[in-house]
Amino acid sequence: MSVVVSILITFLVIILVLYLVQRLPIDGRVRQIVQLIVVIIGIVSLLRYLAVF
């Protein structure tokens, strides 16, 4: 059960960070790079919770 909660919290944090990145007054190209980094970190975190790593 705790794994499901951890995955849900991680997913919500990823969505929140992506939303906050959209609100930043930065250039579009930099924003895309930051979003890509956040998504990659999020995927790695989710895979870690699923015991892939």
C-alpha atoms as a PDB file:
ATOM      1  CA  MET A   1       0.000   0.000   0.000  1.00  0.00           C
ATOM      2  CA  SER A   2       2.824   2.408   0.803  1.00  0.00           C
ATOM      3  CA  VAL A   3       4.275   1.912  -2.681  1.00  0.00           C
ATOM      4  CA  VAL A   4       1.007   3.054  -4.246  1.00  0.00           C
ATOM      5  CA  VAL A   5       0.934   6.135  -2.025  1.00  0.00           C
ATOM      6  CA  SER A   6       4.558   6.928  -2.860  1.00  0.00           C
ATOM      7  CA  ILE A   7       3.872   6.596  -6.579  1.00  0.00           C
ATOM      8  CA  LEU A   8       0.809   8.836  -6.293  1.00  0.00           C
ATOM      9  CA  ILE A   9       2.704  11.493  -4.336  1.00  0.00           C
ATOM     10  CA  THR A  10       5.574  11.404  -6.841  1.00  0.00           C
ATOM     11  CA  PHE A  11       3.148  11.768  -9.733  1.00  0.00           C
ATOM     12  CA  LEU A  12       1.426  14.742  -8.069  1.00  0.00           C
ATOM     13  CA  VAL A  13       4.766  16.431  -7.337  1.00  0.00           C
ATOM     14  CA  ILE A  14       5.801  16.021 -10.988  1.00  0.00           C
ATOM     15  CA  ILE A  15       2.548  17.632 -12.140  1.00  0.00           C
ATOM     16  CA  LEU A  16       2.953  20.480  -9.635  1.00  0.00           C
ATOM     17  CA  VAL A  17       6.551  21.187 -10.682  1.00  0.00           C
ATOM     18  CA  LEU A  18       5.596  21.138 -14.373  1.00  0.00           C
ATOM     19  CA  TYR A  19       2.795  23.613 -13.631  1.00  0.00           C
ATOM     20  CA  LEU A  20       5.162  25.897 -11.729  1.00  0.00           C
ATOM     21  CA  VAL A  21       7.701  25.759 -14.569  1.00  0.00           C
ATOM     22  CA  GLN A  22       4.963  26.939 -16.944  1.00  0.00           C
ATOM     23  CA  ARG A  23       4.398  29.960 -14.688  1.00  0.00           C
ATOM     24  CA  LEU A  24       8.055  31.048 -14.724  1.00  0.00           C
ATOM     25  CA  PRO A  25       8.912  34.057 -16.910  1.00  0.00           C
ATOM     26  CA  ILE A  26      11.675  32.331 -18.877  1.00  0.00           C
ATOM     27  CA  ASP A  27      12.398  31.718 -22.536  1.00  0.00           C
ATOM     28  CA  GLY A  28      10.406  28.986 -24.275  1.00  0.00           C
ATOM     29  CA  ARG A  29      13.457  26.883 -25.166  1.00  0.00           C
ATOM     30  CA  VAL A  30      14.772  26.957 -21.592  1.00  0.00           C
ATOM     31  CA  ARG A  31      11.292  26.082 -20.327  1.00  0.00           C
ATOM     32  CA  GLN A  32      11.209  22.999 -22.583  1.00  0.00           C
ATOM     33  CA  ILE A  33      14.612  21.874 -21.329  1.00  0.00           C
ATOM     34  CA  VAL A  34      13.534  22.278 -17.696  1.00  0.00           C
ATOM     35  CA  GLN A  35      10.305  20.362 -18.379  1.00  0.00           C
ATOM     36  CA  LEU A  36      12.275  17.546 -19.998  1.00  0.00           C
ATOM     37  CA  ILE A  37      14.611  17.343 -17.004  1.00  0.00           C
ATOM     38  CA  VAL A  38      11.640  17.237 -14.599  1.00  0.00           C
ATOM     39  CA  VAL A  39       9.962  14.475 -16.600  1.00  0.00           C
ATOM     40  CA  ILE A  40      13.161  12.403 -16.733  1.00  0.00           C
ATOM     41  CA  ILE A  41      13.709  12.759 -12.986  1.00  0.00           C
ATOM     42  CA  GLY A  42      10.074  11.855 -12.393  1.00  0.00           C
ATOM     43  CA  ILE A  43      10.279   8.730 -14.548  1.00  0.00           C
ATOM     44  CA  VAL A  44      13.445   7.621 -12.775  1.00  0.00           C
ATOM     45  CA  SER A  45      11.755   8.161  -9.399  1.00  0.00           C
ATOM     46  CA  LEU A  46       8.711   6.175 -10.436  1.00  0.00           C
ATOM     47  CA  LEU A  47      10.879   3.346 -11.750  1.00  0.00           C
ATOM     48  CA  ARG A  48      12.777   3.310  -8.457  1.00  0.00           C
ATOM     49  CA  TYR A  49       9.498   2.900  -6.550  1.00  0.00           C
ATOM     50  CA  LEU A  50       8.562   0.023  -8.842  1.00  0.00           C
ATOM     51  CA  ALA A  51      11.906  -1.633  -7.974  1.00  0.00           C
ATOM     52  CA  VAL A  52      13.253  -1.528 -11.525  1.00  0.00           C
ATOM     53  CA  PHE A  53      16.505   0.028 -10.326  1.00  0.00           C
END
